[in-house]
């Protein structure tokens, strides 16, 4: 039995070849998918390692930071010392000003008293 140029044997051989080709493509696609999954897993693992490394760096960095409460207390202590020094310097300047005005008063008094005493 034949239809056109096709015989039953030729049709069977044709479809067997088509099925074999389909199976080969399916196998190739499975292998490609497996390779893609392996690559995705490797990429995911690499990303997780880098993320963990980064988290570790952040943790190490955070461990070296000074806690806010300690920084605030140190800052307040430094500000108190600055204020104390400023008060001491201001007190010294006030004393210098007082002595300068005493000197000016003595100079004025002497400039008035000396001619008066000499004219006697």
PDB file of N, CA and C in Angstrom:
ATOM      1  N   UNK A   1       0.827  -1.168   0.000  1.00  0.00           N
ATOM      2  CA  UNK A   1       0.000   0.000   0.000  1.00  0.00           C
ATOM      3  C   UNK A   1       0.878   1.239   0.000  1.00  0.00           C
ATOM      4  N   UNK A   2       0.511   2.202  -0.861  1.00  0.00           N
ATOM      5  CA  UNK A   2       1.299   3.424  -0.927  1.00  0.00           C
ATOM      6  C   UNK A   2       0.399   4.593  -1.246  1.00  0.00           C
ATOM      7  N   UNK A   3       0.784   5.754  -0.713  1.00  0.00           N
ATOM      8  CA  UNK A   3       0.035   6.984  -0.966  1.00  0.00           C
ATOM      9  C   UNK A   3       1.037   7.929  -1.596  1.00  0.00           C
ATOM     10  N   UNK A   4       0.824   8.261  -2.817  1.00  0.00           N
ATOM     11  CA  UNK A   4       1.771   9.111  -3.513  1.00  0.00           C
ATOM     12  C   UNK A   4       3.110   8.400  -3.555  1.00  0.00           C
ATOM     13  N   UNK A   5       4.152   9.096  -3.064  1.00  0.00           N
ATOM     14  CA  UNK A   5       5.487   8.502  -3.006  1.00  0.00           C
ATOM     15  C   UNK A   5       5.746   7.845  -1.659  1.00  0.00           C
ATOM     16  N   UNK A   6       4.804   7.934  -0.759  1.00  0.00           N
ATOM     17  CA  UNK A   6       4.997   7.378   0.591  1.00  0.00           C
ATOM     18  C   UNK A   6       4.520   5.938   0.643  1.00  0.00           C
ATOM     19  N   UNK A   7       5.372   5.132   1.226  1.00  0.00           N
ATOM     20  CA  UNK A   7       4.972   3.758   1.507  1.00  0.00           C
ATOM     21  C   UNK A   7       4.805   3.648   3.006  1.00  0.00           C
ATOM     22  N   UNK A   8       4.188   2.595   3.455  1.00  0.00           N
ATOM     23  CA  UNK A   8       4.009   2.419   4.898  1.00  0.00           C
ATOM     24  C   UNK A   8       5.362   2.346   5.585  1.00  0.00           C
ATOM     25  N   UNK A   9       6.307   1.673   5.022  1.00  0.00           N
ATOM     26  CA  UNK A   9       7.662   1.583   5.593  1.00  0.00           C
ATOM     27  C   UNK A   9       8.316   2.959   5.651  1.00  0.00           C
ATOM     28  N   UNK A  10       8.140   3.761   4.587  1.00  0.00           N
ATOM     29  CA  UNK A  10       8.741   5.103   4.550  1.00  0.00           C
ATOM     30  C   UNK A  10       8.091   5.999   5.585  1.00  0.00           C
ATOM     31  N   UNK A  11       6.744   5.910   5.718  1.00  0.00           N
ATOM     32  CA  UNK A  11       6.044   6.700   6.742  1.00  0.00           C
ATOM     33  C   UNK A  11       6.517   6.309   8.142  1.00  0.00           C
ATOM     34  N   UNK A  12       6.642   4.984   8.364  1.00  0.00           N
ATOM     35  CA  UNK A  12       7.108   4.524   9.673  1.00  0.00           C
ATOM     36  C   UNK A  12       8.496   5.059   9.952  1.00  0.00           C
ATOM     37  N   UNK A  13       9.376   4.960   8.990  1.00  0.00           N
ATOM     38  CA  UNK A  13      10.746   5.440   9.154  1.00  0.00           C
ATOM     39  C   UNK A  13      10.758   6.950   9.367  1.00  0.00           C
ATOM     40  N   UNK A  14       9.914   7.668   8.635  1.00  0.00           N
ATOM     41  CA  UNK A  14       9.822   9.128   8.761  1.00  0.00           C
ATOM     42  C   UNK A  14       9.392   9.533  10.185  1.00  0.00           C
ATOM     43  N   UNK A  15       8.319   8.893  10.686  1.00  0.00           N
ATOM     44  CA  UNK A  15       7.821   9.247  12.022  1.00  0.00           C
ATOM     45  C   UNK A  15       8.773   8.799  13.120  1.00  0.00           C
ATOM     46  N   UNK A  16       9.437   7.653  12.932  1.00  0.00           N
ATOM     47  CA  UNK A  16      10.428   7.220  13.916  1.00  0.00           C
ATOM     48  C   UNK A  16      11.572   8.225  13.991  1.00  0.00           C
ATOM     49  N   UNK A  17      11.975   8.726  12.830  1.00  0.00           N
ATOM     50  CA  UNK A  17      13.040   9.750  12.812  1.00  0.00           C
ATOM     51  C   UNK A  17      12.568  11.026  13.493  1.00  0.00           C
ATOM     52  N   UNK A  18      11.307  11.437  13.254  1.00  0.00           N
ATOM     53  CA  UNK A  18      10.756  12.642  13.898  1.00  0.00           C
ATOM     54  C   UNK A  18      10.713  12.472  15.409  1.00  0.00           C
ATOM     55  N   UNK A  19      10.264  11.290  15.861  1.00  0.00           N
ATOM     56  CA  UNK A  19      10.210  11.032  17.306  1.00  0.00           C
ATOM     57  C   UNK A  19      11.616  11.031  17.907  1.00  0.00           C
ATOM     58  N   UNK A  20      12.565  10.448  17.189  1.00  0.00           N
ATOM     59  CA  UNK A  20      13.952  10.426  17.670  1.00  0.00           C
ATOM     60  C   UNK A  20      14.490  11.861  17.770  1.00  0.00           C
ATOM     61  N   UNK A  21      14.179  12.689  16.756  1.00  0.00           N
ATOM     62  CA  UNK A  21      14.609  14.086  16.776  1.00  0.00           C
ATOM     63  C   UNK A  21      13.977  14.837  17.960  1.00  0.00           C
ATOM     64  N   UNK A  22      12.681  14.589  18.191  1.00  0.00           N
ATOM     65  CA  UNK A  22      11.992  15.223  19.324  1.00  0.00           C
ATOM     66  C   UNK A  22      12.613  14.802  20.654  1.00  0.00           C
ATOM     67  N   UNK A  23      12.912  13.501  20.784  1.00  0.00           N
ATOM     68  CA  UNK A  23      13.529  13.015  22.019  1.00  0.00           C
ATOM     69  C   UNK A  23      14.901  13.646  22.222  1.00  0.00           C
ATOM     70  N   UNK A  24      15.665  13.799  21.121  1.00  0.00           N
ATOM     71  CA  UNK A  24      16.986  14.419  21.222  1.00  0.00           C
ATOM     72  C   UNK A  24      16.855  15.869  21.646  1.00  0.00           C
ATOM     73  N   UNK A  25      15.908  16.605  21.056  1.00  0.00           N
ATOM     74  CA  UNK A  25      15.701  17.996  21.437  1.00  0.00           C
ATOM     75  C   UNK A  25      15.256  18.111  22.890  1.00  0.00           C
ATOM     76  N   UNK A  26      14.387  17.172  23.301  1.00  0.00           N
ATOM     77  CA  UNK A  26      13.930  17.179  24.685  1.00  0.00           C
ATOM     78  C   UNK A  26      15.099  16.916  25.637  1.00  0.00           C
ATOM     79  N   UNK A  27      15.947  15.973  25.292  1.00  0.00           N
ATOM     80  CA  UNK A  27      17.121  15.661  26.111  1.00  0.00           C
ATOM     81  C   UNK A  27      18.072  16.864  26.166  1.00  0.00           C
ATOM     82  N   UNK A  28      18.309  17.485  25.004  1.00  0.00           N
ATOM     83  CA  UNK A  28      19.168  18.677  24.957  1.00  0.00           C
ATOM     84  C   UNK A  28      18.585  19.801  25.816  1.00  0.00           C
ATOM     85  N   UNK A  29      17.268  19.977  25.744  1.00  0.00           N
ATOM     86  CA  UNK A  29      16.623  21.026  26.532  1.00  0.00           C
ATOM     87  C   UNK A  29      16.759  20.736  28.030  1.00  0.00           C
ATOM     88  N   UNK A  30      16.615  19.449  28.416  1.00  0.00           N
ATOM     89  CA  UNK A  30      16.771  19.079  29.826  1.00  0.00           C
ATOM     90  C   UNK A  30      18.189  19.378  30.299  1.00  0.00           C
ATOM     91  N   UNK A  31      19.187  19.030  29.465  1.00  0.00           N
ATOM     92  CA  UNK A  31      20.584  19.292  29.834  1.00  0.00           C
ATOM     93  C   UNK A  31      20.839  20.795  29.942  1.00  0.00           C
ATOM     94  N   UNK A  32      20.272  21.556  29.030  1.00  0.00           N
ATOM     95  CA  UNK A  32      20.436  23.014  29.086  1.00  0.00           C
ATOM     96  C   UNK A  32      19.803  23.578  30.353  1.00  0.00           C
ATOM     97  N   UNK A  33      18.628  23.055  30.690  1.00  0.00           N
ATOM     98  CA  UNK A  33      17.941  23.513  31.887  1.00  0.00           C
ATOM     99  C   UNK A  33      18.754  23.146  33.133  1.00  0.00           C
ATOM    100  N   UNK A  34      19.326  21.952  33.151  1.00  0.00           N
ATOM    101  CA  UNK A  34      20.151  21.542  34.298  1.00  0.00           C
ATOM    102  C   UNK A  34      21.376  22.432  34.432  1.00  0.00           C
ATOM    103  N   UNK A  35      22.020  22.746  33.294  1.00  0.00           N
ATOM    104  CA  UNK A  35      23.187  23.640  33.333  1.00  0.00           C
ATOM    105  C   UNK A  35      22.783  25.023  33.830  1.00  0.00           C
ATOM    106  N   UNK A  36      21.638  25.508  33.361  1.00  0.00           N
ATOM    107  CA  UNK A  36      21.156  26.819  33.812  1.00  0.00           C
ATOM    108  C   UNK A  36      20.855  26.805  35.300  1.00  0.00           C
ATOM    109  N   UNK A  37      20.248  25.720  35.793  1.00  0.00           N
ATOM    110  CA  UNK A  37      19.974  25.608  37.228  1.00  0.00           C
ATOM    111  C   UNK A  37      21.269  25.567  38.024  1.00  0.00           C
ATOM    112  N   UNK A  38      22.272  24.832  37.512  1.00  0.00           N
ATOM    113  CA  UNK A  38      23.575  24.769  38.195  1.00  0.00           C
ATOM    114  C   UNK A  38      24.225  26.149  38.240  1.00  0.00           C
ATOM    115  N   UNK A  39      24.165  26.855  37.119  1.00  0.00           N
ATOM    116  CA  UNK A  39      24.737  28.200  37.082  1.00  0.00           C
ATOM    117  C   UNK A  39      23.987  29.145  38.023  1.00  0.00           C
ATOM    118  N   UNK A  40      22.685  29.033  38.058  1.00  0.00           N
ATOM    119  CA  UNK A  40      21.884  29.874  38.955  1.00  0.00           C
ATOM    120  C   UNK A  40      22.215  29.558  40.411  1.00  0.00           C
ATOM    121  N   UNK A  41      22.380  28.274  40.719  1.00  0.00           N
ATOM    122  CA  UNK A  41      22.732  27.887  42.090  1.00  0.00           C
ATOM    123  C   UNK A  41      24.119  28.427  42.455  1.00  0.00           C
ATOM    124  N   UNK A  42      25.061  28.337  41.520  1.00  0.00           N
ATOM    125  CA  UNK A  42      26.408  28.849  41.781  1.00  0.00           C
ATOM    126  C   UNK A  42      26.367  30.362  41.979  1.00  0.00           C
ATOM    127  N   UNK A  43      25.602  31.047  41.166  1.00  0.00           N
ATOM    128  CA  UNK A  43      25.472  32.498  41.297  1.00  0.00           C
ATOM    129  C   UNK A  43      24.815  32.855  42.623  1.00  0.00           C
ATOM    130  N   UNK A  44      23.786  32.128  42.993  1.00  0.00           N
ATOM    131  CA  UNK A  44      23.086  32.369  44.266  1.00  0.00           C
ATOM    132  C   UNK A  44      24.050  32.137  45.436  1.00  0.00           C
ATOM    133  N   UNK A  45      24.839  31.067  45.353  1.00  0.00           N
ATOM    134  CA  UNK A  45      25.801  30.769  46.419  1.00  0.00           C
ATOM    135  C   UNK A  45      26.837  31.887  46.517  1.00  0.00           C
ATOM    136  N   UNK A  46      27.349  32.338  45.379  1.00  0.00           N
ATOM    137  CA  UNK A  46      28.328  33.418  45.365  1.00  0.00           C
ATOM    138  C   UNK A  46      27.730  34.689  45.966  1.00  0.00           C
ATOM    139  N   UNK A  47      26.494  34.991  45.580  1.00  0.00           N
ATOM    140  CA  UNK A  47      25.823  36.192  46.101  1.00  0.00           C
ATOM    141  C   UNK A  47      25.632  36.085  47.606  1.00  0.00           C
ATOM    142  N   UNK A  48      25.226  34.917  48.085  1.00  0.00           N
ATOM    143  CA  UNK A  48      25.045  34.721  49.525  1.00  0.00           C
ATOM    144  C   UNK A  48      26.373  34.867  50.268  1.00  0.00           C
ATOM    145  N   UNK A  49      27.459  34.327  49.685  1.00  0.00           N
ATOM    146  CA  UNK A  49      28.772  34.450  50.318  1.00  0.00           C
ATOM    147  C   UNK A  49      29.183  35.915  50.412  1.00  0.00           C
ATOM    148  N   UNK A  50      28.976  36.647  49.321  1.00  0.00           N
ATOM    149  CA  UNK A  50      29.342  38.067  49.321  1.00  0.00           C
ATOM    150  C   UNK A  50      28.463  38.848  50.300  1.00  0.00           C
ATOM    151  N   UNK A  51      27.185  38.500  50.370  1.00  0.00           N
ATOM    152  CA  UNK A  51      26.287  39.165  51.317  1.00  0.00           C
ATOM    153  C   UNK A  51      26.726  38.891  52.746  1.00  0.00           C
ATOM    154  N   UNK A  52      27.078  37.642  53.023  1.00  0.00           N
ATOM    155  CA  UNK A  52      27.541  37.298  54.365  1.00  0.00           C
ATOM    156  C   UNK A  52      28.848  38.005  54.693  1.00  0.00           C
ATOM    157  N   UNK A  53      29.730  38.084  53.699  1.00  0.00           N
ATOM    158  CA  UNK A  53      30.993  38.792  53.892  1.00  0.00           C
ATOM    159  C   UNK A  53      30.726  40.268  54.198  1.00  0.00           C
ATOM    160  N   UNK A  54      29.812  40.861  53.464  1.00  0.00           N
ATOM    161  CA  UNK A  54      29.466  42.271  53.681  1.00  0.00           C
ATOM    162  C   UNK A  54      28.846  42.464  55.061  1.00  0.00           C
ATOM    163  N   UNK A  55      27.953  41.546  55.430  1.00  0.00           N
ATOM    164  CA  UNK A  55      27.349  41.630  56.774  1.00  0.00           C
ATOM    165  C   UNK A  55      28.423  41.522  57.846  1.00  0.00           C
ATOM    166  N   UNK A  56      29.386  40.639  57.626  1.00  0.00           N
ATOM    167  CA  UNK A  56      30.485  40.495  58.579  1.00  0.00           C
ATOM    168  C   UNK A  56      31.294  41.779  58.689  1.00  0.00           C
ATOM    169  N   UNK A  57      31.562  42.414  57.547  1.00  0.00           N
ATOM    170  CA  UNK A  57      32.289  43.685  57.565  1.00  0.00           C
ATOM    171  C   UNK A  57      31.499  44.746  58.317  1.00  0.00           C
ATOM    172  N   UNK A  58      30.190  44.782  58.087  1.00  0.00           N
ATOM    173  CA  UNK A  58      29.357  45.756  58.808  1.00  0.00           C
ATOM    174  C   UNK A  58      29.376  45.487  60.312  1.00  0.00           C
ATOM    175  N   UNK A  59      29.322  44.206  60.679  1.00  0.00           N
ATOM    176  CA  UNK A  59      29.349  43.854  62.106  1.00  0.00           C
ATOM    177  C   UNK A  59      30.686  44.252  62.724  1.00  0.00           C
ATOM    178  N   UNK A  60      31.792  43.982  62.007  1.00  0.00           N
ATOM    179  CA  UNK A  60      33.112  44.374  62.509  1.00  0.00           C
ATOM    180  C   UNK A  60      33.198  45.888  62.653  1.00  0.00           C
ATOM    181  N   UNK A  61      32.688  46.597  61.670  1.00  0.00           N
ATOM    182  CA  UNK A  61      32.719  48.053  61.700  1.00  0.00           C
ATOM    183  C   UNK A  61      31.865  48.577  62.849  1.00  0.00           C
ATOM    184  N   UNK A  62      30.696  47.999  63.026  1.00  0.00           N
ATOM    185  CA  UNK A  62      29.804  48.452  64.100  1.00  0.00           C
ATOM    186  C   UNK A  62      30.434  48.183  65.468  1.00  0.00           C
ATOM    187  N   UNK A  63      31.223  47.114  65.572  1.00  0.00           N
ATOM    188  CA  UNK A  63      31.867  46.803  66.842  1.00  0.00           C
ATOM    189  C   UNK A  63      32.914  47.845  67.206  1.00  0.00           C
ATOM    190  N   UNK A  64      33.479  48.522  66.201  1.00  0.00           N
ATOM    191  CA  UNK A  64      34.507  49.532  66.488  1.00  0.00           C
ATOM    192  C   UNK A  64      33.900  50.907  66.754  1.00  0.00           C
ATOM    193  N   UNK A  65      32.636  51.086  66.455  1.00  0.00           N
ATOM    194  CA  UNK A  65      31.988  52.372  66.717  1.00  0.00           C
ATOM    195  C   UNK A  65      31.747  52.551  68.205  1.00  0.00           C
ATOM    196  N   UNK A  66      31.809  53.806  68.625  1.00  0.00           N
ATOM    197  CA  UNK A  66      31.526  54.135  70.009  1.00  0.00           C
ATOM    198  C   UNK A  66      30.011  54.247  70.181  1.00  0.00           C
ATOM    199  N   UNK A  67      29.484  53.683  71.259  1.00  0.00           N
ATOM    200  CA  UNK A  67      28.042  53.825  71.488  1.00  0.00           C
ATOM    201  C   UNK A  67      27.660  55.293  71.678  1.00  0.00           C
ATOM    202  N   UNK A  68      26.474  55.642  71.272  1.00  0.00           N
ATOM    203  CA  UNK A  68      26.016  57.038  71.328  1.00  0.00           C
ATOM    204  C   UNK A  68      26.070  57.585  72.744  1.00  0.00           C
ATOM    205  N   UNK A  69      25.665  56.790  73.726  1.00  0.00           N
ATOM    206  CA  UNK A  69      25.660  57.268  75.114  1.00  0.00           C
ATOM    207  C   UNK A  69      27.068  57.638  75.562  1.00  0.00           C
ATOM    208  N   UNK A  70      28.041  56.803  75.189  1.00  0.00           N
ATOM    209  CA  UNK A  70      29.427  57.086  75.563  1.00  0.00           C
ATOM    210  C   UNK A  70      29.937  58.329  74.837  1.00  0.00           C
ATOM    211  N   UNK A  71      29.612  58.448  73.567  1.00  0.00           N
ATOM    212  CA  UNK A  71      30.037  59.630  72.804  1.00  0.00           C
ATOM    213  C   UNK A  71      29.420  60.894  73.387  1.00  0.00           C
ATOM    214  N   UNK A  72      28.141  60.820  73.750  1.00  0.00           N
ATOM    215  CA  UNK A  72      27.486  61.986  74.341  1.00  0.00           C
ATOM    216  C   UNK A  72      28.109  62.363  75.672  1.00  0.00           C
ATOM    217  N   UNK A  73      28.418  61.357  76.510  1.00  0.00           N
ATOM    218  CA  UNK A  73      29.015  61.666  77.812  1.00  0.00           C
ATOM    219  C   UNK A  73      30.414  62.243  77.643  1.00  0.00           C
ATOM    220  N   UNK A  74      31.181  61.704  76.693  1.00  0.00           N
ATOM    221  CA  UNK A  74      32.523  62.257  76.450  1.00  0.00           C
ATOM    222  C   UNK A  74      32.428  63.685  75.919  1.00  0.00           C
ATOM    223  N   UNK A  75      31.498  63.895  75.027  1.00  0.00           N
ATOM    224  CA  UNK A  75      31.315  65.238  74.468  1.00  0.00           C
ATOM    225  C   UNK A  75      30.914  66.216  75.565  1.00  0.00           C
ATOM    226  N   UNK A  76      30.023  65.806  76.442  1.00  0.00           N
ATOM    227  CA  UNK A  76      29.588  66.673  77.545  1.00  0.00           C
ATOM    228  C   UNK A  76      30.753  66.956  78.491  1.00  0.00           C
ATOM    229  N   UNK A  77      31.584  65.937  78.778  1.00  0.00           N
ATOM    230  CA  UNK A  77      32.741  66.134  79.655  1.00  0.00           C
ATOM    231  C   UNK A  77      33.733  67.108  79.027  1.00  0.00           C
ATOM    232  N   UNK A  78      33.961  66.960  77.731  1.00  0.00           N
ATOM    233  CA  UNK A  78      34.867  67.873  77.030  1.00  0.00           C
ATOM    234  C   UNK A  78      34.308  69.288  77.051  1.00  0.00           C
ATOM    235  N   UNK A  79      33.016  69.432  76.843  1.00  0.00           N
ATOM    236  CA  UNK A  79      32.392  70.760  76.869  1.00  0.00           C
ATOM    237  C   UNK A  79      32.517  71.382  78.258  1.00  0.00           C
ATOM    238  N   UNK A  80      32.356  70.581  79.321  1.00  0.00           N
ATOM    239  CA  UNK A  80      32.526  71.107  80.686  1.00  0.00           C
ATOM    240  C   UNK A  80      33.952  71.595  80.894  1.00  0.00           C
ATOM    241  N   UNK A  81      34.932  70.821  80.388  1.00  0.00           N
ATOM    242  CA  UNK A  81      36.335  71.237  80.526  1.00  0.00           C
ATOM    243  C   UNK A  81      36.580  72.537  79.781  1.00  0.00           C
ATOM    244  N   UNK A  82      36.018  72.656  78.598  1.00  0.00           N
ATOM    245  CA  UNK A  82      36.175  73.897  77.819  1.00  0.00           C
ATOM    246  C   UNK A  82      35.546  75.060  78.569  1.00  0.00           C
ATOM    247  N   UNK A  83      34.362  74.840  79.121  1.00  0.00           N
ATOM    248  CA  UNK A  83      33.697  75.902  79.877  1.00  0.00           C
ATOM    249  C   UNK A  83      34.509  76.288  81.108  1.00  0.00           C
ATOM    250  N   UNK A  84      35.078  75.289  81.809  1.00  0.00           N
ATOM    251  CA  UNK A  84      35.917  75.580  82.976  1.00  0.00           C
ATOM    252  C   UNK A  84      37.139  76.390  82.577  1.00  0.00           C
ATOM    253  N   UNK A  85      37.799  75.993  81.482  1.00  0.00           N
ATOM    254  CA  UNK A  85      38.969  76.741  81.014  1.00  0.00           C
ATOM    255  C   UNK A  85      38.588  78.160  80.594  1.00  0.00           C
ATOM    256  N   UNK A  86      37.452  78.275  79.931  1.00  0.00           N
ATOM    257  CA  UNK A  86      36.983  79.597  79.519  1.00  0.00           C
ATOM    258  C   UNK A  86      36.749  80.479  80.748  1.00  0.00           C
ATOM    259  N   UNK A  87      36.176  79.901  81.804  1.00  0.00           N
ATOM    260  CA  UNK A  87      35.924  80.660  83.031  1.00  0.00           C
ATOM    261  C   UNK A  87      37.236  81.094  83.679  1.00  0.00           C
ATOM    262  N   UNK A  88      38.226  80.199  83.710  1.00  0.00           N
ATOM    263  CA  UNK A  88      39.530  80.536  84.293  1.00  0.00           C
ATOM    264  C   UNK A  88      40.199  81.653  83.494  1.00  0.00           C
ATOM    265  N   UNK A  89      40.168  81.528  82.167  1.00  0.00           N
ATOM    266  CA  UNK A  89      40.776  82.563  81.318  1.00  0.00           C
ATOM    267  C   UNK A  89      40.044  83.888  81.508  1.00  0.00           C
ATOM    268  N   UNK A  90      38.710  83.850  81.552  1.00  0.00           N
ATOM    269  CA  UNK A  90      37.940  85.092  81.742  1.00  0.00           C
ATOM    270  C   UNK A  90      38.255  85.718  83.090  1.00  0.00           C
ATOM    271  N   UNK A  91      38.391  84.885  84.136  1.00  0.00           N
ATOM    272  CA  UNK A  91      38.738  85.403  85.462  1.00  0.00           C
ATOM    273  C   UNK A  91      40.112  86.066  85.423  1.00  0.00           C
ATOM    274  N   UNK A  92      41.064  85.430  84.733  1.00  0.00           N
ATOM    275  CA  UNK A  92      42.405  86.026  84.592  1.00  0.00           C
ATOM    276  C   UNK A  92      42.350  87.340  83.835  1.00  0.00           C
ATOM    277  N   UNK A  93      41.550  87.379  82.758  1.00  0.00           N
ATOM    278  CA  UNK A  93      41.423  88.628  81.992  1.00  0.00           C
ATOM    279  C   UNK A  93      40.772  89.720  82.832  1.00  0.00           C
ATOM    280  N   UNK A  94      39.771  89.365  83.624  1.00  0.00           N
ATOM    281  CA  UNK A  94      39.123  90.343  84.499  1.00  0.00           C
ATOM    282  C   UNK A  94      40.124  90.905  85.506  1.00  0.00           C
ATOM    283  N   UNK A  95      40.983  90.026  86.033  1.00  0.00           N
ATOM    284  CA  UNK A  95      42.008  90.472  86.988  1.00  0.00           C
ATOM    285  C   UNK A  95      43.004  91.398  86.309  1.00  0.00           C
ATOM    286  N   UNK A  96      43.386  91.053  85.065  1.00  0.00           N
ATOM    287  CA  UNK A  96      44.312  91.922  84.312  1.00  0.00           C
ATOM    288  C   UNK A  96      43.665  93.275  84.075  1.00  0.00           C
ATOM    289  N   UNK A  97      42.385  93.287  83.669  1.00  0.00           N
ATOM    290  CA  UNK A  97      41.692  94.554  83.452  1.00  0.00           C
ATOM    291  C   UNK A  97      41.644  95.381  84.736  1.00  0.00           C
ATOM    292  N   UNK A  98      41.365  94.714  85.850  1.00  0.00           N
ATOM    293  CA  UNK A  98      41.312  95.409  87.139  1.00  0.00           C
ATOM    294  C   UNK A  98      42.669  96.030  87.464  1.00  0.00           C
ATOM    295  N   UNK A  99      43.743  95.248  87.249  1.00  0.00           N
ATOM    296  CA  UNK A  99      45.081  95.774  87.550  1.00  0.00           C
ATOM    297  C   UNK A  99      45.462  96.912  86.608  1.00  0.00           C
ATOM    298  N   UNK A 100      45.048  96.800  85.346  1.00  0.00           N
ATOM    299  CA  UNK A 100      45.339  97.880  84.386  1.00  0.00           C
ATOM    300  C   UNK A 100      44.639  99.159  84.844  1.00  0.00           C
ATOM    301  N   UNK A 101      43.365  99.063  85.252  1.00  0.00           N
ATOM    302  CA  UNK A 101      42.650 100.271  85.687  1.00  0.00           C
ATOM    303  C   UNK A 101      43.238 100.832  86.978  1.00  0.00           C
ATOM    304  N   UNK A 102      43.715  99.952  87.851  1.00  0.00           N
ATOM    305  CA  UNK A 102      44.406 100.446  89.059  1.00  0.00           C
ATOM    306  C   UNK A 102      45.653 101.205  88.649  1.00  0.00           C
ATOM    307  N   UNK A 103      46.386 100.614  87.671  1.00  0.00           N
ATOM    308  CA  UNK A 103      47.598 101.300  87.178  1.00  0.00           C
ATOM    309  C   UNK A 103      47.278 102.625  86.534  1.00  0.00           C
ATOM    310  N   UNK A 104      46.194 102.675  85.751  1.00  0.00           N
ATOM    311  CA  UNK A 104      45.787 103.935  85.114  1.00  0.00           C
ATOM    312  C   UNK A 104      45.397 104.943  86.196  1.00  0.00           C
ATOM    313  N   UNK A 105      44.660 104.491  87.198  1.00  0.00           N
ATOM    314  CA  UNK A 105      44.267 105.396  88.293  1.00  0.00           C
ATOM    315  C   UNK A 105      45.474 105.916  89.042  1.00  0.00           C
ATOM    316  N   UNK A 106      46.437 105.034  89.317  1.00  0.00           N
ATOM    317  CA  UNK A 106      47.660 105.462  90.004  1.00  0.00           C
ATOM    318  C   UNK A 106      48.450 106.433  89.149  1.00  0.00           C
ATOM    319  N   UNK A 107      48.497 106.170  87.847  1.00  0.00           N
ATOM    320  CA  UNK A 107      49.239 107.076  86.956  1.00  0.00           C
ATOM    321  C   UNK A 107      48.586 108.452  86.930  1.00  0.00           C
ATOM    322  N   UNK A 108      47.245 108.480  86.859  1.00  0.00           N
ATOM    323  CA  UNK A 108      46.530 109.764  86.852  1.00  0.00           C
ATOM    324  C   UNK A 108      46.737 110.471  88.202  1.00  0.00           C
ATOM    325  N   UNK A 109      46.623 109.702  89.265  1.00  0.00           N
ATOM    326  CA  UNK A 109      46.823 110.297  90.598  1.00  0.00           C
ATOM    327  C   UNK A 109      48.234 110.845  90.735  1.00  0.00           C
ATOM    328  N   UNK A 110      49.193 110.086  90.244  1.00  0.00           N
ATOM    329  CA  UNK A 110      50.588 110.545  90.335  1.00  0.00           C
ATOM    330  C   UNK A 110      50.807 111.770  89.469  1.00  0.00           C
ATOM    331  N   UNK A 111      50.182 111.800  88.288  1.00  0.00           N
ATOM    332  CA  UNK A 111      50.380 112.956  87.404  1.00  0.00           C
ATOM    333  C   UNK A 111      49.750 114.213  88.003  1.00  0.00           C
ATOM    334  N   UNK A 112      48.745 114.047  88.843  1.00  0.00           N
ATOM    335  CA  UNK A 112      48.126 115.199  89.498  1.00  0.00           C
ATOM    336  C   UNK A 112      48.875 115.521  90.797  1.00  0.00           C
ATOM    337  N   UNK A 113      49.251 114.510  91.568  1.00  0.00           N
ATOM    338  CA  UNK A 113      49.858 114.722  92.874  1.00  0.00           C
ATOM    339  C   UNK A 113      51.281 115.222  92.774  1.00  0.00           C
ATOM    340  N   UNK A 114      52.064 114.737  91.845  1.00  0.00           N
ATOM    341  CA  UNK A 114      53.476 115.140  91.739  1.00  0.00           C
ATOM    342  C   UNK A 114      53.584 116.642  91.458  1.00  0.00           C
ATOM    343  N   UNK A 115      52.867 117.202  90.489  1.00  0.00           N
ATOM    344  CA  UNK A 115      53.008 118.651  90.297  1.00  0.00           C
ATOM    345  C   UNK A 115      52.509 119.449  91.504  1.00  0.00           C
ATOM    346  N   UNK A 116      51.493 118.950  92.164  1.00  0.00           N
ATOM    347  CA  UNK A 116      51.006 119.651  93.341  1.00  0.00           C
ATOM    348  C   UNK A 116      52.024 119.643  94.468  1.00  0.00           C
ATOM    349  N   UNK A 117      52.674 118.523  94.654  1.00  0.00           N
ATOM    350  CA  UNK A 117      53.683 118.418  95.690  1.00  0.00           C
ATOM    351  C   UNK A 117      54.943 119.213  95.330  1.00  0.00           C
ATOM    352  N   UNK A 118      55.258 119.267  94.084  1.00  0.00           N
ATOM    353  CA  UNK A 118      56.443 120.016  93.653  1.00  0.00           C
ATOM    354  C   UNK A 118      56.207 121.521  93.709  1.00  0.00           C
ATOM    355  N   UNK A 119      55.006 121.974  93.562  1.00  0.00           N
ATOM    356  CA  UNK A 119      54.692 123.394  93.559  1.00  0.00           C
ATOM    357  C   UNK A 119      54.572 123.920  94.991  1.00  0.00           C
ATOM    358  N   UNK A 120      54.636 123.208  95.939  1.00  0.00           N
ATOM    359  CA  UNK A 120      54.532 123.652  97.304  1.00  0.00           C
ATOM    360  C   UNK A 120      55.695 124.350  97.775  1.00  0.00           C
TER     361      UNK A 120
END
